[in-house]
Amino acid sequence: MSKRNLALIGATIVSLIYGVTFTIAKDVMPLYIDAYGFILLRVGGSMILFWLAWLFMPKEKIAFNDFPRIIAAAFFGVAFNMLTFFKGLSLTSPISAAVIMVSTPMIVLTLSALIMKERMQKRMIFGIILGLIGTAFLILYGKSIGSATNAGLGNFLVLVNAISYGFYLIIVKKLMDKYNAFTFVKWIYLFGFIMVLPFGWSQFQTVEWALVPMDICWKIGFVVIFSTFLTYLLNLLSMKELKPTTVAVFIYLQPLFATIFAISLGKDELSLVKIGSAILIFVGVYLVTQKKSVQ
């Protein structure tokens, strides 16, 4: 099997893991551990794994003037990103959260135009507007079953998380061009852990571990090892063989996997609002990500 095919399989597995994570993390929060306490576990566990992995990687020295960018990446890509996402997921449904996350490519394009002064075509602007309308409908009217205690606020927080992740992708781009990923990612997670510690420590302390079922412990481990550490390794493999734009397209598979998994377990249900919102978002994403036609 060619390296490209292996990379495509790796990118698909990443989307599958992320899609499943929406429901698995929802099973843990907020019944057994609240959102911020769960984030402390995820970031702390992943930080340890990244530092251990770094021991076996080529050693590089980071320039001192790159640390402010690393700290900014830790804030937008780990701390603020995860705090808003997990809190939002604890209030909304897996399908709604997954659909909103598809708006990330459009957000990145918009931020690139505003921050990096990249020119946008009318088609892209129209796609962004469609995607925002779909996201707005999902936030305002995408009610959910089960333990979705406040779907509107939860959907809004997931959208804020997507915006934060968009900033992270722009900030981290120069670091990826300059260093081996493991050179700086361990620092990103170390600073991120320090940032989430004040928010998650009190919730982490209140967890009664003796009452946490073994299957929930396995799900916590899945989020730490597979949803964070392993997906990053697979993305590294994919980005070595594929263009970043190709890898980004695989985020569109996440709602599909999240929907199949959530509905198969009875954790969520489809509705006309969710279907309509998803169609608007996917059409918007399609318009935004199409290459410029050759005249």
C-alpha atoms as a PDB file:
ATOM      1  CA  MET A   1       0.000   0.000   0.000  1.00  0.00           C
ATOM      2  CA  SER A   2       1.334   3.427  -0.960  1.00  0.00           C
ATOM      3  CA  LYS A   3       2.222   6.063   1.627  1.00  0.00           C
ATOM      4  CA  ARG A   4      -0.524   8.293   0.241  1.00  0.00           C
ATOM      5  CA  ASN A   5      -3.178   5.614   0.761  1.00  0.00           C
ATOM      6  CA  LEU A   6      -1.899   5.035   4.295  1.00  0.00           C
ATOM      7  CA  ALA A   7      -2.149   8.775   4.914  1.00  0.00           C
ATOM      8  CA  LEU A   8      -5.731   8.819   3.612  1.00  0.00           C
ATOM      9  CA  ILE A   9      -6.609   5.910   5.907  1.00  0.00           C
ATOM     10  CA  GLY A  10      -4.961   7.733   8.816  1.00  0.00           C
ATOM     11  CA  ALA A  11      -6.966  10.915   8.149  1.00  0.00           C
ATOM     12  CA  THR A  12     -10.180   8.870   7.956  1.00  0.00           C
ATOM     13  CA  ILE A  13      -9.393   7.190  11.289  1.00  0.00           C
ATOM     14  CA  VAL A  14      -8.836  10.626  12.855  1.00  0.00           C
ATOM     15  CA  SER A  15     -12.306  11.742  11.744  1.00  0.00           C
ATOM     16  CA  LEU A  16     -13.804   8.485  12.987  1.00  0.00           C
ATOM     17  CA  ILE A  17     -12.184   8.911  16.412  1.00  0.00           C
ATOM     18  CA  TYR A  18     -13.331  12.536  16.664  1.00  0.00           C
ATOM     19  CA  GLY A  19     -16.846  11.593  15.563  1.00  0.00           C
ATOM     20  CA  VAL A  20     -17.080   8.871  18.217  1.00  0.00           C
ATOM     21  CA  THR A  21     -15.577  11.205  20.842  1.00  0.00           C
ATOM     22  CA  PHE A  22     -18.633  13.504  20.807  1.00  0.00           C
ATOM     23  CA  THR A  23     -20.787  10.707  22.253  1.00  0.00           C
ATOM     24  CA  ILE A  24     -18.133   9.064  24.459  1.00  0.00           C
ATOM     25  CA  ALA A  25     -17.224  12.345  26.166  1.00  0.00           C
ATOM     26  CA  LYS A  26     -20.928  13.104  26.577  1.00  0.00           C
ATOM     27  CA  ASP A  27     -21.320   9.845  28.546  1.00  0.00           C
ATOM     28  CA  VAL A  28     -18.701  11.060  31.028  1.00  0.00           C
ATOM     29  CA  MET A  29     -19.927  14.646  31.441  1.00  0.00           C
ATOM     30  CA  PRO A  30     -21.453  15.984  33.561  1.00  0.00           C
ATOM     31  CA  LEU A  31     -22.689  12.917  35.468  1.00  0.00           C
ATOM     32  CA  TYR A  32     -19.339  11.566  36.642  1.00  0.00           C
ATOM     33  CA  ILE A  33     -17.018  14.515  36.131  1.00  0.00           C
ATOM     34  CA  ASP A  34     -17.825  18.063  35.098  1.00  0.00           C
ATOM     35  CA  ALA A  35     -16.475  19.583  31.908  1.00  0.00           C
ATOM     36  CA  TYR A  36     -13.518  21.519  33.307  1.00  0.00           C
ATOM     37  CA  GLY A  37     -12.354  18.646  35.489  1.00  0.00           C
ATOM     38  CA  PHE A  38     -12.464  16.383  32.438  1.00  0.00           C
ATOM     39  CA  ILE A  39     -10.376  18.889  30.468  1.00  0.00           C
ATOM     40  CA  LEU A  40      -7.755  18.906  33.215  1.00  0.00           C
ATOM     41  CA  LEU A  41      -7.542  15.117  32.879  1.00  0.00           C
ATOM     42  CA  ARG A  42      -7.336  15.274  29.090  1.00  0.00           C
ATOM     43  CA  VAL A  43      -4.725  18.025  28.881  1.00  0.00           C
ATOM     44  CA  GLY A  44      -2.653  16.662  31.774  1.00  0.00           C
ATOM     45  CA  GLY A  45      -2.628  13.111  30.428  1.00  0.00           C
ATOM     46  CA  SER A  46      -1.829  14.237  26.890  1.00  0.00           C
ATOM     47  CA  MET A  47       0.930  16.535  28.156  1.00  0.00           C
ATOM     48  CA  ILE A  48       2.655  13.576  29.808  1.00  0.00           C
ATOM     49  CA  LEU A  49       2.328  11.466  26.647  1.00  0.00           C
ATOM     50  CA  PHE A  50       3.722  14.233  24.401  1.00  0.00           C
ATOM     51  CA  TRP A  51       6.724  14.800  26.683  1.00  0.00           C
ATOM     52  CA  LEU A  52       7.412  11.049  26.770  1.00  0.00           C
ATOM     53  CA  ALA A  53       7.144  10.843  22.974  1.00  0.00           C
ATOM     54  CA  TRP A  54       9.533  13.794  22.636  1.00  0.00           C
ATOM     55  CA  LEU A  55      12.267  11.696  24.284  1.00  0.00           C
ATOM     56  CA  PHE A  56      12.378   9.547  21.140  1.00  0.00           C
ATOM     57  CA  MET A  57      12.201  12.435  18.650  1.00  0.00           C
ATOM     58  CA  PRO A  58      14.941  14.604  17.066  1.00  0.00           C
ATOM     59  CA  LYS A  59      15.981  17.369  19.453  1.00  0.00           C
ATOM     60  CA  GLU A  60      15.645  20.999  18.399  1.00  0.00           C
ATOM     61  CA  LYS A  61      16.104  24.241  20.294  1.00  0.00           C
ATOM     62  CA  ILE A  62      13.243  26.730  20.205  1.00  0.00           C
ATOM     63  CA  ALA A  63      14.124  30.387  19.702  1.00  0.00           C
ATOM     64  CA  PHE A  64      13.161  32.501  22.714  1.00  0.00           C
ATOM     65  CA  ASN A  65      11.121  34.921  20.584  1.00  0.00           C
ATOM     66  CA  ASP A  66       8.894  32.006  19.451  1.00  0.00           C
ATOM     67  CA  PHE A  67       7.602  31.313  22.965  1.00  0.00           C
ATOM     68  CA  PRO A  68       4.958  34.098  22.872  1.00  0.00           C
ATOM     69  CA  ARG A  69       3.500  32.391  19.773  1.00  0.00           C
ATOM     70  CA  ILE A  70       3.612  29.034  21.573  1.00  0.00           C
ATOM     71  CA  ILE A  71       1.798  30.514  24.582  1.00  0.00           C
ATOM     72  CA  ALA A  72      -0.842  32.038  22.277  1.00  0.00           C
ATOM     73  CA  ALA A  73      -1.231  28.648  20.567  1.00  0.00           C
ATOM     74  CA  ALA A  74      -1.666  27.036  23.991  1.00  0.00           C
ATOM     75  CA  PHE A  75      -4.434  29.490  24.859  1.00  0.00           C
ATOM     76  CA  PHE A  76      -6.426  29.250  21.618  1.00  0.00           C
ATOM     77  CA  GLY A  77      -5.613  25.621  20.759  1.00  0.00           C
ATOM     78  CA  VAL A  78      -5.774  23.976  24.188  1.00  0.00           C
ATOM     79  CA  ALA A  79      -7.123  26.074  27.068  1.00  0.00           C
ATOM     80  CA  PHE A  80      -9.875  28.324  25.675  1.00  0.00           C
ATOM     81  CA  ASN A  81     -10.599  25.873  22.862  1.00  0.00           C
ATOM     82  CA  MET A  82     -11.188  22.864  25.125  1.00  0.00           C
ATOM     83  CA  LEU A  83     -12.884  24.785  27.942  1.00  0.00           C
ATOM     84  CA  THR A  84     -15.564  26.114  25.597  1.00  0.00           C
ATOM     85  CA  PHE A  85     -15.935  22.860  23.640  1.00  0.00           C
ATOM     86  CA  PHE A  86     -16.340  20.486  26.586  1.00  0.00           C
ATOM     87  CA  LYS A  87     -18.612  22.879  28.458  1.00  0.00           C
ATOM     88  CA  GLY A  88     -20.694  23.318  25.315  1.00  0.00           C
ATOM     89  CA  LEU A  89     -20.801  19.563  24.686  1.00  0.00           C
ATOM     90  CA  SER A  90     -21.972  18.975  28.256  1.00  0.00           C
ATOM     91  CA  LEU A  91     -24.987  21.228  27.540  1.00  0.00           C
ATOM     92  CA  THR A  92     -25.902  20.173  23.993  1.00  0.00           C
ATOM     93  CA  SER A  93     -26.114  16.991  21.904  1.00  0.00           C
ATOM     94  CA  PRO A  94     -23.347  15.106  20.047  1.00  0.00           C
ATOM     95  CA  ILE A  95     -24.898  15.690  16.607  1.00  0.00           C
ATOM     96  CA  SER A  96     -25.373  19.441  17.109  1.00  0.00           C
ATOM     97  CA  ALA A  97     -21.793  19.840  18.342  1.00  0.00           C
ATOM     98  CA  ALA A  98     -20.377  17.827  15.434  1.00  0.00           C
ATOM     99  CA  VAL A  99     -22.320  19.791  12.822  1.00  0.00           C
ATOM    100  CA  ILE A 100     -21.189  23.133  14.237  1.00  0.00           C
ATOM    101  CA  MET A 101     -17.554  21.974  14.173  1.00  0.00           C
ATOM    102  CA  VAL A 102     -17.818  21.645  10.378  1.00  0.00           C
ATOM    103  CA  SER A 103     -17.938  25.443  10.237  1.00  0.00           C
ATOM    104  CA  THR A 104     -14.246  25.522  11.303  1.00  0.00           C
ATOM    105  CA  PRO A 105     -12.834  25.710   7.726  1.00  0.00           C
ATOM    106  CA  MET A 106     -15.086  28.693   6.974  1.00  0.00           C
ATOM    107  CA  ILE A 107     -13.998  30.377  10.199  1.00  0.00           C
ATOM    108  CA  VAL A 108     -10.329  29.820   9.336  1.00  0.00           C
ATOM    109  CA  LEU A 109     -10.877  31.363   5.895  1.00  0.00           C
ATOM    110  CA  THR A 110     -12.621  34.390   7.407  1.00  0.00           C
ATOM    111  CA  LEU A 111      -9.878  34.909  10.001  1.00  0.00           C
ATOM    112  CA  SER A 112      -7.220  34.539   7.297  1.00  0.00           C
ATOM    113  CA  ALA A 113      -8.918  37.301   5.305  1.00  0.00           C
ATOM    114  CA  LEU A 114      -9.139  39.590   8.345  1.00  0.00           C
ATOM    115  CA  ILE A 115      -5.757  38.860   9.911  1.00  0.00           C
ATOM    116  CA  MET A 116      -3.560  37.804   6.991  1.00  0.00           C
ATOM    117  CA  LYS A 117      -5.358  40.026   4.433  1.00  0.00           C
ATOM    118  CA  GLU A 118      -6.062  37.109   2.096  1.00  0.00           C
ATOM    119  CA  ARG A 119      -8.493  37.968  -0.699  1.00  0.00           C
ATOM    120  CA  MET A 120     -11.890  36.262  -0.701  1.00  0.00           C
ATOM    121  CA  GLN A 121     -14.046  35.595  -3.750  1.00  0.00           C
ATOM    122  CA  LYS A 122     -17.792  36.312  -3.809  1.00  0.00           C
ATOM    123  CA  ARG A 123     -18.472  32.571  -3.867  1.00  0.00           C
ATOM    124  CA  MET A 124     -16.560  32.177  -0.592  1.00  0.00           C
ATOM    125  CA  ILE A 125     -18.389  35.079   1.045  1.00  0.00           C
ATOM    126  CA  PHE A 126     -21.733  33.561   0.022  1.00  0.00           C
ATOM    127  CA  GLY A 127     -20.627  30.184   1.405  1.00  0.00           C
ATOM    128  CA  ILE A 128     -19.635  31.740   4.716  1.00  0.00           C
ATOM    129  CA  ILE A 129     -23.026  33.478   4.994  1.00  0.00           C
ATOM    130  CA  LEU A 130     -24.864  30.192   4.301  1.00  0.00           C
ATOM    131  CA  GLY A 131     -22.762  28.380   6.879  1.00  0.00           C
ATOM    132  CA  LEU A 132     -23.367  31.052   9.501  1.00  0.00           C
ATOM    133  CA  ILE A 133     -27.139  30.926   8.855  1.00  0.00           C
ATOM    134  CA  GLY A 134     -27.102  27.144   9.309  1.00  0.00           C
ATOM    135  CA  THR A 135     -25.067  27.446  12.488  1.00  0.00           C
ATOM    136  CA  ALA A 136     -27.362  30.175  13.837  1.00  0.00           C
ATOM    137  CA  PHE A 137     -30.462  28.002  13.233  1.00  0.00           C
ATOM    138  CA  LEU A 138     -28.794  25.102  15.006  1.00  0.00           C
ATOM    139  CA  ILE A 139     -27.867  27.273  17.989  1.00  0.00           C
ATOM    140  CA  LEU A 140     -31.309  28.895  18.286  1.00  0.00           C
ATOM    141  CA  TYR A 141     -33.625  26.021  17.367  1.00  0.00           C
ATOM    142  CA  GLY A 142     -31.602  22.800  17.476  1.00  0.00           C
ATOM    143  CA  LYS A 143     -33.232  21.290  20.542  1.00  0.00           C
ATOM    144  CA  SER A 144     -31.987  17.873  21.589  1.00  0.00           C
ATOM    145  CA  ILE A 145     -33.065  14.841  23.568  1.00  0.00           C
ATOM    146  CA  GLY A 146     -31.463  13.238  26.596  1.00  0.00           C
ATOM    147  CA  SER A 147     -29.187  15.256  28.831  1.00  0.00           C
ATOM    148  CA  ALA A 148     -28.957  18.341  26.616  1.00  0.00           C
ATOM    149  CA  THR A 149     -29.734  20.704  29.470  1.00  0.00           C
ATOM    150  CA  ASN A 150     -29.213  23.959  27.573  1.00  0.00           C
ATOM    151  CA  ALA A 151     -28.789  23.295  23.839  1.00  0.00           C
ATOM    152  CA  GLY A 152     -28.726  26.970  22.826  1.00  0.00           C
ATOM    153  CA  LEU A 153     -25.870  27.924  25.148  1.00  0.00           C
ATOM    154  CA  GLY A 154     -24.089  24.647  24.463  1.00  0.00           C
ATOM    155  CA  ASN A 155     -24.212  25.163  20.688  1.00  0.00           C
ATOM    156  CA  PHE A 156     -22.960  28.745  21.105  1.00  0.00           C
ATOM    157  CA  LEU A 157     -19.981  27.582  23.182  1.00  0.00           C
ATOM    158  CA  VAL A 158     -19.103  24.948  20.578  1.00  0.00           C
ATOM    159  CA  LEU A 159     -19.120  27.714  17.951  1.00  0.00           C
ATOM    160  CA  VAL A 160     -16.817  29.832  20.148  1.00  0.00           C
ATOM    161  CA  ASN A 161     -14.537  26.796  20.391  1.00  0.00           C
ATOM    162  CA  ALA A 162     -14.443  26.534  16.581  1.00  0.00           C
ATOM    163  CA  ILE A 163     -13.462  30.222  16.334  1.00  0.00           C
ATOM    164  CA  SER A 164     -10.733  29.700  18.932  1.00  0.00           C
ATOM    165  CA  TYR A 165      -9.416  26.703  16.997  1.00  0.00           C
ATOM    166  CA  GLY A 166      -9.368  28.847  13.854  1.00  0.00           C
ATOM    167  CA  PHE A 167      -7.079  31.348  15.591  1.00  0.00           C
ATOM    168  CA  TYR A 168      -4.903  28.436  16.720  1.00  0.00           C
ATOM    169  CA  LEU A 169      -4.453  27.114  13.156  1.00  0.00           C
ATOM    170  CA  ILE A 170      -3.289  30.537  11.974  1.00  0.00           C
ATOM    171  CA  ILE A 171      -0.957  31.040  14.946  1.00  0.00           C
ATOM    172  CA  VAL A 172       0.614  27.581  14.790  1.00  0.00           C
ATOM    173  CA  LYS A 173       1.302  27.631  11.033  1.00  0.00           C
ATOM    174  CA  LYS A 174       4.667  29.394  11.361  1.00  0.00           C
ATOM    175  CA  LEU A 175       5.746  27.004  14.114  1.00  0.00           C
ATOM    176  CA  MET A 176       4.971  23.994  11.919  1.00  0.00           C
ATOM    177  CA  ASP A 177       7.059  25.480   9.098  1.00  0.00           C
ATOM    178  CA  LYS A 178      10.013  26.065  11.422  1.00  0.00           C
ATOM    179  CA  TYR A 179      10.154  23.091  13.821  1.00  0.00           C
ATOM    180  CA  ASN A 180       9.416  19.411  14.151  1.00  0.00           C
ATOM    181  CA  ALA A 181       5.911  19.192  15.607  1.00  0.00           C
ATOM    182  CA  PHE A 182       7.026  17.376  18.759  1.00  0.00           C
ATOM    183  CA  THR A 183       9.523  20.154  19.448  1.00  0.00           C
ATOM    184  CA  PHE A 184       6.785  22.660  20.253  1.00  0.00           C
ATOM    185  CA  VAL A 185       3.621  20.625  20.913  1.00  0.00           C
ATOM    186  CA  LYS A 186       4.921  19.479  24.294  1.00  0.00           C
ATOM    187  CA  TRP A 187       5.311  23.135  25.273  1.00  0.00           C
ATOM    188  CA  ILE A 188       1.855  23.983  23.950  1.00  0.00           C
ATOM    189  CA  TYR A 189       0.328  21.305  26.183  1.00  0.00           C
ATOM    190  CA  LEU A 190       2.476  22.266  29.175  1.00  0.00           C
ATOM    191  CA  PHE A 191       1.347  25.905  28.987  1.00  0.00           C
ATOM    192  CA  GLY A 192      -2.185  24.744  28.217  1.00  0.00           C
ATOM    193  CA  PHE A 193      -2.189  22.554  31.328  1.00  0.00           C
ATOM    194  CA  ILE A 194      -1.102  25.522  33.462  1.00  0.00           C
ATOM    195  CA  MET A 195      -3.937  27.607  31.971  1.00  0.00           C
ATOM    196  CA  VAL A 196      -6.708  25.045  32.574  1.00  0.00           C
ATOM    197  CA  LEU A 197      -5.482  24.091  36.051  1.00  0.00           C
ATOM    198  CA  PRO A 198      -7.311  26.943  37.882  1.00  0.00           C
ATOM    199  CA  PHE A 199     -10.588  26.052  36.124  1.00  0.00           C
ATOM    200  CA  GLY A 200     -10.460  22.295  36.428  1.00  0.00           C
ATOM    201  CA  TRP A 201      -8.765  21.593  39.757  1.00  0.00           C
ATOM    202  CA  SER A 202     -11.812  22.108  41.987  1.00  0.00           C
ATOM    203  CA  GLN A 203     -14.007  19.926  39.750  1.00  0.00           C
ATOM    204  CA  PHE A 204     -11.299  17.288  39.534  1.00  0.00           C
ATOM    205  CA  GLN A 205     -11.045  17.178  43.339  1.00  0.00           C
ATOM    206  CA  THR A 206     -14.795  16.549  43.723  1.00  0.00           C
ATOM    207  CA  VAL A 207     -14.773  13.392  41.570  1.00  0.00           C
ATOM    208  CA  GLU A 208     -15.618  10.323  43.646  1.00  0.00           C
ATOM    209  CA  TRP A 209     -13.434   7.842  41.792  1.00  0.00           C
ATOM    210  CA  ALA A 210     -14.673   4.912  43.848  1.00  0.00           C
ATOM    211  CA  LEU A 211     -18.147   5.469  42.361  1.00  0.00           C
ATOM    212  CA  VAL A 212     -16.980   5.851  38.749  1.00  0.00           C
ATOM    213  CA  PRO A 213     -17.817   2.666  36.778  1.00  0.00           C
ATOM    214  CA  MET A 214     -15.011   0.891  34.945  1.00  0.00           C
ATOM    215  CA  ASP A 215     -16.577   1.586  31.537  1.00  0.00           C
ATOM    216  CA  ILE A 216     -16.489   5.338  32.270  1.00  0.00           C
ATOM    217  CA  CYS A 217     -12.809   5.053  33.220  1.00  0.00           C
ATOM    218  CA  TRP A 218     -12.161   3.378  29.873  1.00  0.00           C
ATOM    219  CA  LYS A 219     -14.000   6.207  28.102  1.00  0.00           C
ATOM    220  CA  ILE A 220     -11.884   8.803  29.920  1.00  0.00           C
ATOM    221  CA  GLY A 221      -8.788   6.911  28.819  1.00  0.00           C
ATOM    222  CA  PHE A 222     -10.096   6.817  25.250  1.00  0.00           C
ATOM    223  CA  VAL A 223     -10.444  10.612  25.149  1.00  0.00           C
ATOM    224  CA  VAL A 224      -6.942  11.156  26.554  1.00  0.00           C
ATOM    225  CA  ILE A 225      -5.053   8.538  24.527  1.00  0.00           C
ATOM    226  CA  PHE A 226      -7.016   8.204  21.296  1.00  0.00           C
ATOM    227  CA  SER A 227      -8.944  11.477  20.896  1.00  0.00           C
ATOM    228  CA  THR A 228      -5.943  13.657  21.724  1.00  0.00           C
ATOM    229  CA  PHE A 229      -2.585  11.894  21.519  1.00  0.00           C
ATOM    230  CA  LEU A 230      -3.186   9.286  18.782  1.00  0.00           C
ATOM    231  CA  THR A 231      -5.148  11.627  16.516  1.00  0.00           C
ATOM    232  CA  TYR A 232      -2.259  14.082  16.601  1.00  0.00           C
ATOM    233  CA  LEU A 233       0.189  11.343  15.579  1.00  0.00           C
ATOM    234  CA  LEU A 234      -2.066  10.234  12.720  1.00  0.00           C
ATOM    235  CA  ASN A 235      -2.452  13.835  11.561  1.00  0.00           C
ATOM    236  CA  LEU A 236       1.342  14.114  11.459  1.00  0.00           C
ATOM    237  CA  LEU A 237       1.466  11.016   9.252  1.00  0.00           C
ATOM    238  CA  SER A 238      -1.251  12.378   6.979  1.00  0.00           C
ATOM    239  CA  MET A 239       0.271  15.842   6.624  1.00  0.00           C
ATOM    240  CA  LYS A 240       3.591  14.346   5.498  1.00  0.00           C
ATOM    241  CA  GLU A 241       1.930  12.859   2.414  1.00  0.00           C
ATOM    242  CA  LEU A 242      -1.132  15.054   1.843  1.00  0.00           C
ATOM    243  CA  LYS A 243      -1.705  18.770   1.411  1.00  0.00           C
ATOM    244  CA  PRO A 244      -3.134  20.553   4.485  1.00  0.00           C
ATOM    245  CA  THR A 245      -6.271  21.396   2.489  1.00  0.00           C
ATOM    246  CA  THR A 246      -6.787  17.688   1.759  1.00  0.00           C
ATOM    247  CA  VAL A 247      -6.391  16.781   5.428  1.00  0.00           C
ATOM    248  CA  ALA A 248      -8.826  19.564   6.417  1.00  0.00           C
ATOM    249  CA  VAL A 249     -11.540  18.122   4.174  1.00  0.00           C
ATOM    250  CA  PHE A 250     -11.732  15.068   6.433  1.00  0.00           C
ATOM    251  CA  ILE A 251     -13.312  17.191   9.190  1.00  0.00           C
ATOM    252  CA  TYR A 252     -16.497  16.958   7.122  1.00  0.00           C
ATOM    253  CA  LEU A 253     -16.720  13.241   7.964  1.00  0.00           C
ATOM    254  CA  GLN A 254     -16.987  13.941  11.692  1.00  0.00           C
ATOM    255  CA  PRO A 255     -20.727  14.791  11.759  1.00  0.00           C
ATOM    256  CA  LEU A 256     -21.427  11.648   9.699  1.00  0.00           C
ATOM    257  CA  PHE A 257     -19.573   9.396  12.137  1.00  0.00           C
ATOM    258  CA  ALA A 258     -20.940  11.294  15.157  1.00  0.00           C
ATOM    259  CA  THR A 259     -24.510  10.979  13.869  1.00  0.00           C
ATOM    260  CA  ILE A 260     -24.245   7.252  13.103  1.00  0.00           C
ATOM    261  CA  PHE A 261     -22.662   6.486  16.471  1.00  0.00           C
ATOM    262  CA  ALA A 262     -24.988   8.686  18.554  1.00  0.00           C
ATOM    263  CA  ILE A 263     -28.201   7.484  16.900  1.00  0.00           C
ATOM    264  CA  SER A 264     -27.131   3.811  16.993  1.00  0.00           C
ATOM    265  CA  LEU A 265     -26.770   4.093  20.779  1.00  0.00           C
ATOM    266  CA  GLY A 266     -29.981   6.125  21.199  1.00  0.00           C
ATOM    267  CA  LYS A 267     -28.014   9.126  22.476  1.00  0.00           C
ATOM    268  CA  ASP A 268     -29.492  11.582  19.991  1.00  0.00           C
ATOM    269  CA  GLU A 269     -32.085  11.861  17.249  1.00  0.00           C
ATOM    270  CA  LEU A 270     -32.395  13.610  13.896  1.00  0.00           C
ATOM    271  CA  SER A 271     -34.759  16.539  13.385  1.00  0.00           C
ATOM    272  CA  LEU A 272     -35.689  18.759  10.461  1.00  0.00           C
ATOM    273  CA  VAL A 273     -33.811  21.668  12.046  1.00  0.00           C
ATOM    274  CA  LYS A 274     -30.612  19.615  12.371  1.00  0.00           C
ATOM    275  CA  ILE A 275     -30.913  18.255   8.831  1.00  0.00           C
ATOM    276  CA  GLY A 276     -31.638  21.705   7.360  1.00  0.00           C
ATOM    277  CA  SER A 277     -28.822  23.326   9.339  1.00  0.00           C
ATOM    278  CA  ALA A 278     -26.409  20.594   8.260  1.00  0.00           C
ATOM    279  CA  ILE A 279     -27.336  21.083   4.587  1.00  0.00           C
ATOM    280  CA  LEU A 280     -26.735  24.849   4.802  1.00  0.00           C
ATOM    281  CA  ILE A 281     -23.391  24.323   6.542  1.00  0.00           C
ATOM    282  CA  PHE A 282     -22.217  21.660   4.084  1.00  0.00           C
ATOM    283  CA  VAL A 283     -23.228  23.769   1.062  1.00  0.00           C
ATOM    284  CA  GLY A 284     -21.394  26.718   2.601  1.00  0.00           C
ATOM    285  CA  VAL A 285     -18.302  24.606   3.226  1.00  0.00           C
ATOM    286  CA  TYR A 286     -18.435  23.285  -0.356  1.00  0.00           C
ATOM    287  CA  LEU A 287     -18.545  26.817  -1.803  1.00  0.00           C
ATOM    288  CA  VAL A 288     -15.712  27.986   0.443  1.00  0.00           C
ATOM    289  CA  THR A 289     -13.362  25.079  -0.208  1.00  0.00           C
ATOM    290  CA  GLN A 290     -13.739  24.804  -3.993  1.00  0.00           C
ATOM    291  CA  LYS A 291     -10.617  25.721  -5.934  1.00  0.00           C
ATOM    292  CA  LYS A 292     -10.692  28.789  -8.148  1.00  0.00           C
ATOM    293  CA  SER A 293     -11.790  27.797 -11.617  1.00  0.00           C
ATOM    294  CA  VAL A 294      -9.283  28.166 -14.421  1.00  0.00           C
ATOM    295  CA  GLN A 295     -10.415  30.635 -17.076  1.00  0.00           C
END
